[in-house]
Amino acid sequence: MGGLFYLEDVVFSFQPESYCTAIQQWIDQASASGESFSEKDFEGHVRDEYSTYSWIMEAMIERTGFAIRKSEFRSPTIASYICEKVSDAQGVAAVQGALGIVFYGRRRVLPASVTPAVR
């Protein structure tokens, strides 16, 4: 058995064509409770955090040598995954290629398309 990886984050499981409605429902429901973040916080997350869809997240997990052992969707916007490392065949090279990152020794060179917040 390989190493285990647990991920819980904002991951969209709704269809892309229902994006506007689903995001607005998420913001309305979450901010209405008053116990969590404000409406502006959620709007900022959608604008600045680049959350992704489940089908993209799952492909990235698998391309980096993990098998998804369990996935749960608490809502259309929150997902958790338990993954097991099964292969290094593509591993780090796949992630680097997907992000356009080139490593030279210990120095990391990011492409210009990566936002300054990521650097």
Protein backbone atom coordinates (compact mmCIF):
# COMPACT_ATOMS: atom_id res chain seq x y z
CA MET A 1 0.00 0.00 0.00
CA GLY A 2 1.28 3.48 -0.90
CA GLY A 3 0.91 6.69 1.01
CA LEU A 4 -2.54 8.12 1.70
CA PHE A 5 -3.67 11.60 0.74
CA TYR A 6 -6.77 13.35 2.07
CA LEU A 7 -8.20 16.38 0.31
CA GLU A 8 -11.19 18.44 1.37
CA ASP A 9 -11.81 21.66 -0.47
CA VAL A 10 -14.12 23.70 -2.62
CA VAL A 11 -14.71 21.50 -5.66
CA PHE A 12 -17.65 22.13 -7.95
CA SER A 13 -19.75 19.04 -8.73
CA PHE A 14 -22.52 20.86 -10.61
CA GLN A 15 -22.64 21.11 -14.39
CA PRO A 16 -20.67 24.04 -15.86
CA GLU A 17 -23.77 25.42 -17.58
CA SER A 18 -25.45 25.91 -14.16
CA TYR A 19 -22.44 27.81 -12.77
CA CYS A 20 -24.15 31.17 -12.15
CA THR A 21 -27.14 29.69 -10.35
CA ALA A 22 -25.14 27.15 -8.31
CA ILE A 23 -22.53 29.69 -7.18
CA GLN A 24 -25.18 32.23 -6.19
CA GLN A 25 -27.08 29.57 -4.20
CA TRP A 26 -23.83 28.61 -2.42
CA ILE A 27 -23.08 32.22 -1.52
CA ASP A 28 -26.66 32.90 -0.38
CA GLN A 29 -26.97 29.77 1.77
CA ALA A 30 -23.53 29.96 3.32
CA SER A 31 -23.57 33.66 4.15
CA ALA A 32 -27.19 33.63 5.41
CA SER A 33 -26.27 31.60 8.49
CA GLY A 34 -24.05 34.39 9.82
CA GLU A 35 -21.80 31.73 11.39
CA SER A 36 -19.32 31.50 8.56
CA PHE A 37 -17.84 33.88 6.06
CA SER A 38 -19.61 36.94 4.71
CA GLU A 39 -21.13 37.23 1.26
CA LYS A 40 -18.13 39.35 0.20
CA ASP A 41 -15.76 36.61 1.43
CA PHE A 42 -17.48 34.00 -0.73
CA GLU A 43 -17.57 36.31 -3.73
CA GLY A 44 -13.84 36.91 -3.25
CA HIS A 45 -13.21 33.18 -3.10
CA VAL A 46 -15.02 32.57 -6.39
CA ARG A 47 -13.22 35.50 -8.01
CA ASP A 48 -9.69 34.89 -6.67
CA GLU A 49 -9.22 31.26 -5.59
CA TYR A 50 -9.69 29.38 -8.89
CA SER A 51 -11.64 26.44 -7.48
CA THR A 52 -12.26 23.74 -10.03
CA TYR A 53 -14.75 21.09 -11.10
CA SER A 54 -14.73 17.55 -9.74
CA TRP A 55 -13.93 16.00 -13.13
CA ILE A 56 -10.80 18.17 -13.41
CA MET A 57 -9.73 17.56 -9.80
CA GLU A 58 -10.18 13.80 -10.16
CA ALA A 59 -8.13 13.70 -13.36
CA MET A 60 -5.30 15.63 -11.68
CA ILE A 61 -5.33 13.25 -8.71
CA GLU A 62 -5.16 10.20 -10.97
CA ARG A 63 -2.53 11.67 -13.31
CA THR A 64 -0.21 12.20 -10.35
CA GLY A 65 -0.24 8.51 -9.47
CA PHE A 66 -3.05 8.34 -6.90
CA ALA A 67 -6.16 6.18 -6.94
CA ILE A 68 -9.30 7.70 -5.46
CA ARG A 69 -10.47 5.26 -2.80
CA LYS A 70 -13.41 7.32 -1.58
CA SER A 71 -15.04 10.59 -2.56
CA GLU A 72 -17.86 12.46 -0.85
CA PHE A 73 -19.71 15.57 -1.89
CA ARG A 74 -21.26 17.32 1.12
CA SER A 75 -22.79 19.83 -1.24
CA PRO A 76 -22.40 20.87 -4.88
CA THR A 77 -19.40 22.98 -3.77
CA ILE A 78 -17.55 20.91 -1.13
CA ALA A 79 -15.80 17.62 -1.82
CA SER A 80 -13.48 15.30 0.06
CA TYR A 81 -11.25 12.58 -1.35
CA ILE A 82 -9.25 9.78 0.22
CA CYS A 83 -6.54 8.74 -2.20
CA GLU A 84 -3.77 6.16 -2.23
CA LYS A 85 -0.46 6.49 -4.04
CA VAL A 86 -0.30 3.65 -6.55
CA SER A 87 2.19 4.81 -9.18
CA ASP A 88 5.02 7.19 -9.83
CA ALA A 89 4.83 6.58 -13.56
CA GLN A 90 3.59 10.08 -14.29
CA GLY A 91 3.79 11.64 -10.85
CA VAL A 92 5.61 14.92 -10.46
CA ALA A 93 6.29 15.29 -14.18
CA ALA A 94 2.54 15.28 -14.86
CA VAL A 95 1.92 18.02 -12.31
CA GLN A 96 4.81 20.09 -13.61
CA GLY A 97 3.58 19.68 -17.16
CA ALA A 98 0.01 20.56 -16.24
CA LEU A 99 1.14 23.73 -14.48
CA GLY A 100 3.89 24.56 -16.94
CA ILE A 101 6.50 24.53 -14.17
CA VAL A 102 10.10 23.75 -15.00
CA PHE A 103 12.54 22.80 -12.26
CA TYR A 104 16.25 23.51 -12.57
CA GLY A 105 18.08 22.02 -9.61
CA ARG A 106 16.45 23.68 -6.63
CA ARG A 107 15.23 26.72 -8.52
CA ARG A 108 11.62 26.79 -9.63
CA VAL A 109 10.76 28.74 -12.78
CA LEU A 110 7.09 29.60 -13.24
CA PRO A 111 5.58 30.58 -16.56
CA ALA A 112 4.33 34.13 -16.96
CA SER A 113 0.73 32.87 -17.07
CA VAL A 114 0.91 31.90 -13.38
CA THR A 115 -0.47 34.73 -11.28
CA PRO A 116 1.82 36.56 -8.83
CA ALA A 117 -0.27 35.24 -5.92
CA VAL A 118 0.87 31.69 -6.81
CA ARG A 119 4.53 32.63 -7.02
